[in-house]
Amino acid sequence: MLELKGPLDQRTVVALRHEVDAELIEKLGEPGTVTLDFSGVTRADSAALSLILHWMRLRRTRPATLALKAVPEQLRALARTSRMEQYLDG
């Protein structure tokens, strides 16, 4: 499980992507489920949705599945508005 904390917005997602990608790629290389836990996220905007889509693309060519836990309602509402909610439901 990878725990995400703090704001996920335009100011933070680039650094978070660099921080999480290597570990996520390694975990996705093994069969099973990798969970991204959003319970520590305090704020999220469209940049966070873009980051999730990036992580979903990373998963496509690897044996593991990716699960999202405790996605903030703010992010779910944005996904609904953008007609992208299916990406948050796996």
PDB file of N, CA and C in Angstrom:
ATOM      1  N   MET A   1       0.846  -1.172   0.000  1.00  0.00           N
ATOM      2  CA  MET A   1       0.000   0.000   0.000  1.00  0.00           C
ATOM      3  C   MET A   1       0.893   1.237   0.000  1.00  0.00           C
ATOM      4  N   LEU A   2       0.512   2.184  -0.838  1.00  0.00           N
ATOM      5  CA  LEU A   2       1.206   3.472  -0.871  1.00  0.00           C
ATOM      6  C   LEU A   2       0.252   4.514  -0.296  1.00  0.00           C
ATOM      7  N   GLU A   3       0.673   5.178   0.750  1.00  0.00           N
ATOM      8  CA  GLU A   3      -0.163   6.178   1.410  1.00  0.00           C
ATOM      9  C   GLU A   3       0.177   7.561   0.892  1.00  0.00           C
ATOM     10  N   LEU A   4      -0.831   8.262   0.421  1.00  0.00           N
ATOM     11  CA  LEU A   4      -0.665   9.627  -0.087  1.00  0.00           C
ATOM     12  C   LEU A   4      -1.137  10.591   0.982  1.00  0.00           C
ATOM     13  N   LYS A   5      -0.399  11.690   1.162  1.00  0.00           N
ATOM     14  CA  LYS A   5      -0.728  12.645   2.229  1.00  0.00           C
ATOM     15  C   LYS A   5      -0.598  14.068   1.738  1.00  0.00           C
ATOM     16  N   GLY A   6      -1.378  14.940   2.354  1.00  0.00           N
ATOM     17  CA  GLY A   6      -1.311  16.357   2.048  1.00  0.00           C
ATOM     18  C   GLY A   6      -2.080  16.712   0.799  1.00  0.00           C
ATOM     19  N   PRO A   7      -1.836  17.905   0.267  1.00  0.00           N
ATOM     20  CA  PRO A   7      -2.563  18.340  -0.929  1.00  0.00           C
ATOM     21  C   PRO A   7      -2.048  17.647  -2.195  1.00  0.00           C
ATOM     22  N   LEU A   8      -2.963  17.331  -3.087  1.00  0.00           N
ATOM     23  CA  LEU A   8      -2.628  16.822  -4.428  1.00  0.00           C
ATOM     24  C   LEU A   8      -3.173  17.850  -5.411  1.00  0.00           C
ATOM     25  N   ASP A   9      -2.330  18.794  -5.744  1.00  0.00           N
ATOM     26  CA  ASP A   9      -2.766  19.861  -6.631  1.00  0.00           C
ATOM     27  C   ASP A   9      -1.640  20.237  -7.590  1.00  0.00           C
ATOM     28  N   GLN A  10      -1.857  21.285  -8.346  1.00  0.00           N
ATOM     29  CA  GLN A  10      -0.867  21.691  -9.359  1.00  0.00           C
ATOM     30  C   GLN A  10       0.514  21.929  -8.764  1.00  0.00           C
ATOM     31  N   ARG A  11       0.558  22.351  -7.523  1.00  0.00           N
ATOM     32  CA  ARG A  11       1.856  22.649  -6.896  1.00  0.00           C
ATOM     33  C   ARG A  11       2.588  21.401  -6.433  1.00  0.00           C
ATOM     34  N   THR A  12       1.883  20.297  -6.224  1.00  0.00           N
ATOM     35  CA  THR A  12       2.514  19.139  -5.591  1.00  0.00           C
ATOM     36  C   THR A  12       2.603  17.884  -6.452  1.00  0.00           C
ATOM     37  N   VAL A  13       1.792  17.769  -7.507  1.00  0.00           N
ATOM     38  CA  VAL A  13       1.722  16.481  -8.209  1.00  0.00           C
ATOM     39  C   VAL A  13       2.998  16.119  -8.966  1.00  0.00           C
ATOM     40  N   VAL A  14       3.725  17.076  -9.487  1.00  0.00           N
ATOM     41  CA  VAL A  14       4.949  16.741 -10.229  1.00  0.00           C
ATOM     42  C   VAL A  14       5.962  16.098  -9.278  1.00  0.00           C
ATOM     43  N   ALA A  15       6.169  16.690  -8.129  1.00  0.00           N
ATOM     44  CA  ALA A  15       7.102  16.124  -7.154  1.00  0.00           C
ATOM     45  C   ALA A  15       6.614  14.766  -6.664  1.00  0.00           C
ATOM     46  N   LEU A  16       5.314  14.649  -6.416  1.00  0.00           N
ATOM     47  CA  LEU A  16       4.764  13.377  -5.954  1.00  0.00           C
ATOM     48  C   LEU A  16       4.918  12.300  -7.014  1.00  0.00           C
ATOM     49  N   ARG A  17       4.704  12.665  -8.262  1.00  0.00           N
ATOM     50  CA  ARG A  17       4.867  11.695  -9.348  1.00  0.00           C
ATOM     51  C   ARG A  17       6.291  11.153  -9.358  1.00  0.00           C
ATOM     52  N   HIS A  18       7.264  12.020  -9.260  1.00  0.00           N
ATOM     53  CA  HIS A  18       8.661  11.579  -9.243  1.00  0.00           C
ATOM     54  C   HIS A  18       8.954  10.716  -8.017  1.00  0.00           C
ATOM     55  N   GLU A  19       8.334  11.047  -6.912  1.00  0.00           N
ATOM     56  CA  GLU A  19       8.552  10.317  -5.666  1.00  0.00           C
ATOM     57  C   GLU A  19       7.917   8.927  -5.698  1.00  0.00           C
ATOM     58  N   VAL A  20       6.731   8.819  -6.264  1.00  0.00           N
ATOM     59  CA  VAL A  20       5.953   7.578  -6.198  1.00  0.00           C
ATOM     60  C   VAL A  20       6.191   6.649  -7.384  1.00  0.00           C
ATOM     61  N   ASP A  21       6.460   7.177  -8.562  1.00  0.00           N
ATOM     62  CA  ASP A  21       6.534   6.348  -9.773  1.00  0.00           C
ATOM     63  C   ASP A  21       7.466   5.143  -9.644  1.00  0.00           C
ATOM     64  N   ALA A  22       8.679   5.337  -9.191  1.00  0.00           N
ATOM     65  CA  ALA A  22       9.636   4.225  -9.132  1.00  0.00           C
ATOM     66  C   ALA A  22       9.139   3.119  -8.210  1.00  0.00           C
ATOM     67  N   GLU A  23       8.651   3.490  -7.053  1.00  0.00           N
ATOM     68  CA  GLU A  23       8.138   2.493  -6.109  1.00  0.00           C
ATOM     69  C   GLU A  23       6.896   1.810  -6.670  1.00  0.00           C
ATOM     70  N   LEU A  24       6.022   2.584  -7.292  1.00  0.00           N
ATOM     71  CA  LEU A  24       4.805   2.015  -7.858  1.00  0.00           C
ATOM     72  C   LEU A  24       5.133   1.040  -8.986  1.00  0.00           C
ATOM     73  N   ILE A  25       6.043   1.413  -9.871  1.00  0.00           N
ATOM     74  CA  ILE A  25       6.432   0.529 -10.972  1.00  0.00           C
ATOM     75  C   ILE A  25       6.985  -0.780 -10.417  1.00  0.00           C
ATOM     76  N   GLU A  26       7.800  -0.695  -9.387  1.00  0.00           N
ATOM     77  CA  GLU A  26       8.357  -1.907  -8.779  1.00  0.00           C
ATOM     78  C   GLU A  26       7.246  -2.798  -8.215  1.00  0.00           C
ATOM     79  N   LYS A  27       6.315  -2.198  -7.477  1.00  0.00           N
ATOM     80  CA  LYS A  27       5.222  -2.969  -6.879  1.00  0.00           C
ATOM     81  C   LYS A  27       4.297  -3.554  -7.940  1.00  0.00           C
ATOM     82  N   LEU A  28       4.050  -2.807  -9.018  1.00  0.00           N
ATOM     83  CA  LEU A  28       3.172  -3.291 -10.084  1.00  0.00           C
ATOM     84  C   LEU A  28       3.811  -4.426 -10.871  1.00  0.00           C
ATOM     85  N   GLY A  29       5.105  -4.617 -10.735  1.00  0.00           N
ATOM     86  CA  GLY A  29       5.800  -5.680 -11.437  1.00  0.00           C
ATOM     87  C   GLY A  29       5.538  -7.061 -10.870  1.00  0.00           C
ATOM     88  N   GLU A  30       4.954  -7.135  -9.704  1.00  0.00           N
ATOM     89  CA  GLU A  30       4.633  -8.400  -9.051  1.00  0.00           C
ATOM     90  C   GLU A  30       3.128  -8.634  -9.104  1.00  0.00           C
ATOM     91  N   PRO A  31       2.700  -9.877  -9.313  1.00  0.00           N
ATOM     92  CA  PRO A  31       1.254 -10.153  -9.312  1.00  0.00           C
ATOM     93  C   PRO A  31       0.628  -9.754  -7.973  1.00  0.00           C
ATOM     94  N   GLY A  32      -0.608  -9.340  -8.016  1.00  0.00           N
ATOM     95  CA  GLY A  32      -1.329  -8.937  -6.813  1.00  0.00           C
ATOM     96  C   GLY A  32      -1.979  -7.582  -7.012  1.00  0.00           C
ATOM     97  N   THR A  33      -2.336  -6.965  -5.920  1.00  0.00           N
ATOM     98  CA  THR A  33      -2.987  -5.662  -5.961  1.00  0.00           C
ATOM     99  C   THR A  33      -2.146  -4.644  -5.216  1.00  0.00           C
ATOM    100  N   VAL A  34      -1.939  -3.508  -5.850  1.00  0.00           N
ATOM    101  CA  VAL A  34      -1.261  -2.383  -5.218  1.00  0.00           C
ATOM    102  C   VAL A  34      -2.333  -1.350  -4.899  1.00  0.00           C
ATOM    103  N   THR A  35      -2.398  -0.937  -3.654  1.00  0.00           N
ATOM    104  CA  THR A  35      -3.410   0.020  -3.225  1.00  0.00           C
ATOM    105  C   THR A  35      -2.788   1.390  -3.009  1.00  0.00           C
ATOM    106  N   LEU A  36      -3.416   2.392  -3.603  1.00  0.00           N
ATOM    107  CA  LEU A  36      -3.061   3.783  -3.347  1.00  0.00           C
ATOM    108  C   LEU A  36      -4.083   4.311  -2.341  1.00  0.00           C
ATOM    109  N   ASP A  37      -3.630   4.668  -1.168  1.00  0.00           N
ATOM    110  CA  ASP A  37      -4.499   5.114  -0.087  1.00  0.00           C
ATOM    111  C   ASP A  37      -4.515   6.640  -0.033  1.00  0.00           C
ATOM    112  N   PHE A  38      -5.667   7.210  -0.300  1.00  0.00           N
ATOM    113  CA  PHE A  38      -5.834   8.661  -0.332  1.00  0.00           C
ATOM    114  C   PHE A  38      -6.355   9.227   0.990  1.00  0.00           C
ATOM    115  N   SER A  39      -6.408   8.424   2.031  1.00  0.00           N
ATOM    116  CA  SER A  39      -7.026   8.890   3.277  1.00  0.00           C
ATOM    117  C   SER A  39      -6.301  10.078   3.900  1.00  0.00           C
ATOM    118  N   GLY A  40      -5.025  10.259   3.596  1.00  0.00           N
ATOM    119  CA  GLY A  40      -4.280  11.392   4.136  1.00  0.00           C
ATOM    120  C   GLY A  40      -4.273  12.619   3.244  1.00  0.00           C
ATOM    121  N   VAL A  41      -5.008  12.564   2.130  1.00  0.00           N
ATOM    122  CA  VAL A  41      -5.036  13.706   1.202  1.00  0.00           C
ATOM    123  C   VAL A  41      -5.957  14.779   1.750  1.00  0.00           C
ATOM    124  N   THR A  42      -5.464  15.991   1.803  1.00  0.00           N
ATOM    125  CA  THR A  42      -6.233  17.099   2.375  1.00  0.00           C
ATOM    126  C   THR A  42      -6.951  17.946   1.329  1.00  0.00           C
ATOM    127  N   ARG A  43      -6.452  17.915   0.090  1.00  0.00           N
ATOM    128  CA  ARG A  43      -7.062  18.713  -0.980  1.00  0.00           C
ATOM    129  C   ARG A  43      -6.640  18.084  -2.304  1.00  0.00           C
ATOM    130  N   ALA A  44      -7.532  18.146  -3.286  1.00  0.00           N
ATOM    131  CA  ALA A  44      -7.209  17.590  -4.600  1.00  0.00           C
ATOM    132  C   ALA A  44      -7.876  18.425  -5.686  1.00  0.00           C
ATOM    133  N   ASP A  45      -7.179  18.561  -6.828  1.00  0.00           N
ATOM    134  CA  ASP A  45      -7.765  19.273  -7.956  1.00  0.00           C
ATOM    135  C   ASP A  45      -7.582  18.436  -9.223  1.00  0.00           C
ATOM    136  N   SER A  46      -7.781  19.031 -10.370  1.00  0.00           N
ATOM    137  CA  SER A  46      -7.706  18.291 -11.631  1.00  0.00           C
ATOM    138  C   SER A  46      -6.320  17.693 -11.868  1.00  0.00           C
ATOM    139  N   ALA A  47      -5.293  18.283 -11.307  1.00  0.00           N
ATOM    140  CA  ALA A  47      -3.949  17.723 -11.442  1.00  0.00           C
ATOM    141  C   ALA A  47      -3.870  16.350 -10.768  1.00  0.00           C
ATOM    142  N   ALA A  48      -4.598  16.166  -9.681  1.00  0.00           N
ATOM    143  CA  ALA A  48      -4.631  14.867  -9.006  1.00  0.00           C
ATOM    144  C   ALA A  48      -5.308  13.829  -9.885  1.00  0.00           C
ATOM    145  N   LEU A  49      -6.377  14.215 -10.562  1.00  0.00           N
ATOM    146  CA  LEU A  49      -7.054  13.304 -11.476  1.00  0.00           C
ATOM    147  C   LEU A  49      -6.120  12.900 -12.614  1.00  0.00           C
ATOM    148  N   SER A  50      -5.375  13.834 -13.129  1.00  0.00           N
ATOM    149  CA  SER A  50      -4.393  13.547 -14.174  1.00  0.00           C
ATOM    150  C   SER A  50      -3.323  12.585 -13.672  1.00  0.00           C
ATOM    151  N   LEU A  51      -2.893  12.753 -12.437  1.00  0.00           N
ATOM    152  CA  LEU A  51      -1.894  11.873 -11.854  1.00  0.00           C
ATOM    153  C   LEU A  51      -2.428  10.442 -11.726  1.00  0.00           C
ATOM    154  N   ILE A  52      -3.669  10.301 -11.304  1.00  0.00           N
ATOM    155  CA  ILE A  52      -4.287   8.975 -11.206  1.00  0.00           C
ATOM    156  C   ILE A  52      -4.331   8.309 -12.582  1.00  0.00           C
ATOM    157  N   LEU A  53      -4.700   9.061 -13.604  1.00  0.00           N
ATOM    158  CA  LEU A  53      -4.733   8.505 -14.963  1.00  0.00           C
ATOM    159  C   LEU A  53      -3.334   8.065 -15.399  1.00  0.00           C
ATOM    160  N   HIS A  54      -2.321   8.827 -15.050  1.00  0.00           N
ATOM    161  CA  HIS A  54      -0.942   8.452 -15.340  1.00  0.00           C
ATOM    162  C   HIS A  54      -0.620   7.113 -14.679  1.00  0.00           C
ATOM    163  N   TRP A  55      -0.969   6.962 -13.402  1.00  0.00           N
ATOM    164  CA  TRP A  55      -0.692   5.717 -12.694  1.00  0.00           C
ATOM    165  C   TRP A  55      -1.473   4.549 -13.299  1.00  0.00           C
ATOM    166  N   MET A  56      -2.691   4.813 -13.763  1.00  0.00           N
ATOM    167  CA  MET A  56      -3.464   3.756 -14.434  1.00  0.00           C
ATOM    168  C   MET A  56      -2.767   3.311 -15.723  1.00  0.00           C
ATOM    169  N   ARG A  57      -2.199   4.248 -16.452  1.00  0.00           N
ATOM    170  CA  ARG A  57      -1.456   3.893 -17.670  1.00  0.00           C
ATOM    171  C   ARG A  57      -0.211   3.070 -17.343  1.00  0.00           C
ATOM    172  N   LEU A  58       0.480   3.390 -16.259  1.00  0.00           N
ATOM    173  CA  LEU A  58       1.639   2.605 -15.843  1.00  0.00           C
ATOM    174  C   LEU A  58       1.246   1.152 -15.577  1.00  0.00           C
ATOM    175  N   ARG A  59       0.080   0.939 -15.044  1.00  0.00           N
ATOM    176  CA  ARG A  59      -0.380  -0.386 -14.665  1.00  0.00           C
ATOM    177  C   ARG A  59      -0.715  -1.264 -15.877  1.00  0.00           C
ATOM    178  N   ARG A  60      -1.079  -0.675 -16.971  1.00  0.00           N
ATOM    179  CA  ARG A  60      -1.554  -1.434 -18.133  1.00  0.00           C
ATOM    180  C   ARG A  60      -0.636  -2.567 -18.572  1.00  0.00           C
ATOM    181  N   THR A  61       0.657  -2.380 -18.534  1.00  0.00           N
ATOM    182  CA  THR A  61       1.590  -3.377 -19.058  1.00  0.00           C
ATOM    183  C   THR A  61       2.256  -4.185 -17.947  1.00  0.00           C
ATOM    184  N   ARG A  62       1.670  -4.175 -16.768  1.00  0.00           N
ATOM    185  CA  ARG A  62       2.267  -4.887 -15.639  1.00  0.00           C
ATOM    186  C   ARG A  62       1.264  -5.877 -15.047  1.00  0.00           C
ATOM    187  N   PRO A  63       1.755  -6.903 -14.350  1.00  0.00           N
ATOM    188  CA  PRO A  63       0.862  -7.971 -13.888  1.00  0.00           C
ATOM    189  C   PRO A  63      -0.045  -7.607 -12.711  1.00  0.00           C
ATOM    190  N   ALA A  64       0.262  -6.593 -11.953  1.00  0.00           N
ATOM    191  CA  ALA A  64      -0.545  -6.253 -10.776  1.00  0.00           C
ATOM    192  C   ALA A  64      -1.759  -5.412 -11.164  1.00  0.00           C
ATOM    193  N   THR A  65      -2.706  -5.363 -10.266  1.00  0.00           N
ATOM    194  CA  THR A  65      -3.844  -4.458 -10.419  1.00  0.00           C
ATOM    195  C   THR A  65      -3.627  -3.279  -9.483  1.00  0.00           C
ATOM    196  N   LEU A  66      -4.346  -2.209  -9.757  1.00  0.00           N
ATOM    197  CA  LEU A  66      -4.223  -0.986  -8.970  1.00  0.00           C
ATOM    198  C   LEU A  66      -5.571  -0.684  -8.349  1.00  0.00           C
ATOM    199  N   ALA A  67      -5.583  -0.502  -7.034  1.00  0.00           N
ATOM    200  CA  ALA A  67      -6.810  -0.171  -6.315  1.00  0.00           C
ATOM    201  C   ALA A  67      -6.647   1.196  -5.665  1.00  0.00           C
ATOM    202  N   LEU A  68      -7.728   1.941  -5.631  1.00  0.00           N
ATOM    203  CA  LEU A  68      -7.737   3.258  -4.995  1.00  0.00           C
ATOM    204  C   LEU A  68      -8.592   3.174  -3.736  1.00  0.00           C
ATOM    205  N   LYS A  69      -8.049   3.649  -2.635  1.00  0.00           N
ATOM    206  CA  LYS A  69      -8.749   3.595  -1.348  1.00  0.00           C
ATOM    207  C   LYS A  69      -8.960   5.006  -0.821  1.00  0.00           C
ATOM    208  N   ALA A  70     -10.148   5.263  -0.313  1.00  0.00           N
ATOM    209  CA  ALA A  70     -10.469   6.535   0.358  1.00  0.00           C
ATOM    210  C   ALA A  70     -10.237   7.744  -0.548  1.00  0.00           C
ATOM    211  N   VAL A  71     -10.695   7.652  -1.789  1.00  0.00           N
ATOM    212  CA  VAL A  71     -10.575   8.788  -2.709  1.00  0.00           C
ATOM    213  C   VAL A  71     -11.442   9.925  -2.174  1.00  0.00           C
ATOM    214  N   PRO A  72     -10.879  11.122  -2.009  1.00  0.00           N
ATOM    215  CA  PRO A  72     -11.650  12.237  -1.448  1.00  0.00           C
ATOM    216  C   PRO A  72     -12.875  12.574  -2.305  1.00  0.00           C
ATOM    217  N   GLU A  73     -13.935  12.958  -1.648  1.00  0.00           N
ATOM    218  CA  GLU A  73     -15.170  13.315  -2.355  1.00  0.00           C
ATOM    219  C   GLU A  73     -14.927  14.460  -3.332  1.00  0.00           C
ATOM    220  N   GLN A  74     -14.064  15.373  -2.975  1.00  0.00           N
ATOM    221  CA  GLN A  74     -13.723  16.491  -3.863  1.00  0.00           C
ATOM    222  C   GLN A  74     -13.211  15.968  -5.208  1.00  0.00           C
ATOM    223  N   LEU A  75     -12.389  14.941  -5.162  1.00  0.00           N
ATOM    224  CA  LEU A  75     -11.841  14.354  -6.382  1.00  0.00           C
ATOM    225  C   LEU A  75     -12.897  13.536  -7.119  1.00  0.00           C
ATOM    226  N   ARG A  76     -13.748  12.832  -6.385  1.00  0.00           N
ATOM    227  CA  ARG A  76     -14.847  12.081  -7.010  1.00  0.00           C
ATOM    228  C   ARG A  76     -15.813  13.035  -7.734  1.00  0.00           C
ATOM    229  N   ALA A  77     -16.101  14.171  -7.111  1.00  0.00           N
ATOM    230  CA  ALA A  77     -17.001  15.142  -7.733  1.00  0.00           C
ATOM    231  C   ALA A  77     -16.389  15.688  -9.028  1.00  0.00           C
ATOM    232  N   LEU A  78     -15.127  15.956  -9.014  1.00  0.00           N
ATOM    233  CA  LEU A  78     -14.438  16.427 -10.212  1.00  0.00           C
ATOM    234  C   LEU A  78     -14.479  15.356 -11.303  1.00  0.00           C
ATOM    235  N   ALA A  79     -14.262  14.111 -10.914  1.00  0.00           N
ATOM    236  CA  ALA A  79     -14.301  13.012 -11.879  1.00  0.00           C
ATOM    237  C   ALA A  79     -15.713  12.855 -12.469  1.00  0.00           C
ATOM    238  N   ARG A  80     -16.737  13.003 -11.631  1.00  0.00           N
ATOM    239  CA  ARG A  80     -18.121  12.929 -12.136  1.00  0.00           C
ATOM    240  C   ARG A  80     -18.384  14.036 -13.144  1.00  0.00           C
ATOM    241  N   THR A  81     -17.972  15.236 -12.813  1.00  0.00           N
ATOM    242  CA  THR A  81     -18.167  16.379 -13.700  1.00  0.00           C
ATOM    243  C   THR A  81     -17.457  16.168 -15.032  1.00  0.00           C
ATOM    244  N   SER A  82     -16.292  15.529 -14.976  1.00  0.00           N
ATOM    245  CA  SER A  82     -15.496  15.278 -16.176  1.00  0.00           C
ATOM    246  C   SER A  82     -15.870  13.970 -16.877  1.00  0.00           C
ATOM    247  N   ARG A  83     -16.859  13.279 -16.325  1.00  0.00           N
ATOM    248  CA  ARG A  83     -17.276  11.963 -16.839  1.00  0.00           C
ATOM    249  C   ARG A  83     -16.120  10.971 -16.857  1.00  0.00           C
ATOM    250  N   MET A  84     -15.372  10.987 -15.761  1.00  0.00           N
ATOM    251  CA  MET A  84     -14.206  10.103 -15.632  1.00  0.00           C
ATOM    252  C   MET A  84     -14.269   9.274 -14.352  1.00  0.00           C
ATOM    253  N   GLU A  85     -15.433   9.191 -13.752  1.00  0.00           N
ATOM    254  CA  GLU A  85     -15.560   8.504 -12.464  1.00  0.00           C
ATOM    255  C   GLU A  85     -15.181   7.028 -12.545  1.00  0.00           C
ATOM    256  N   GLN A  86     -15.374   6.415 -13.729  1.00  0.00           N
ATOM    257  CA  GLN A  86     -15.046   4.994 -13.853  1.00  0.00           C
ATOM    258  C   GLN A  86     -13.573   4.727 -13.563  1.00  0.00           C
ATOM    259  N   TYR A  87     -12.711   5.706 -13.753  1.00  0.00           N
ATOM    260  CA  TYR A  87     -11.294   5.517 -13.476  1.00  0.00           C
ATOM    261  C   TYR A  87     -11.003   5.460 -11.975  1.00  0.00           C
ATOM    262  N   LEU A  88     -11.880   6.027 -11.173  1.00  0.00           N
ATOM    263  CA  LEU A  88     -11.685   5.994  -9.737  1.00  0.00           C
ATOM    264  C   LEU A  88     -12.253   4.725  -9.130  1.00  0.00           C
ATOM    265  N   ASP A  89     -13.073   4.021  -9.899  1.00  0.00           N
ATOM    266  CA  ASP A  89     -13.685   2.792  -9.397  1.00  0.00           C
ATOM    267  C   ASP A  89     -12.945   1.544  -9.858  1.00  0.00           C
ATOM    268  N   GLY A  90     -11.786   1.740 -10.478  1.00  0.00           N
ATOM    269  CA  GLY A  90     -10.982   0.604 -10.917  1.00  0.00           C
ATOM    270  C   GLY A  90     -11.422   0.171 -12.258  1.00  0.00           C
TER     271      GLY A  90
END
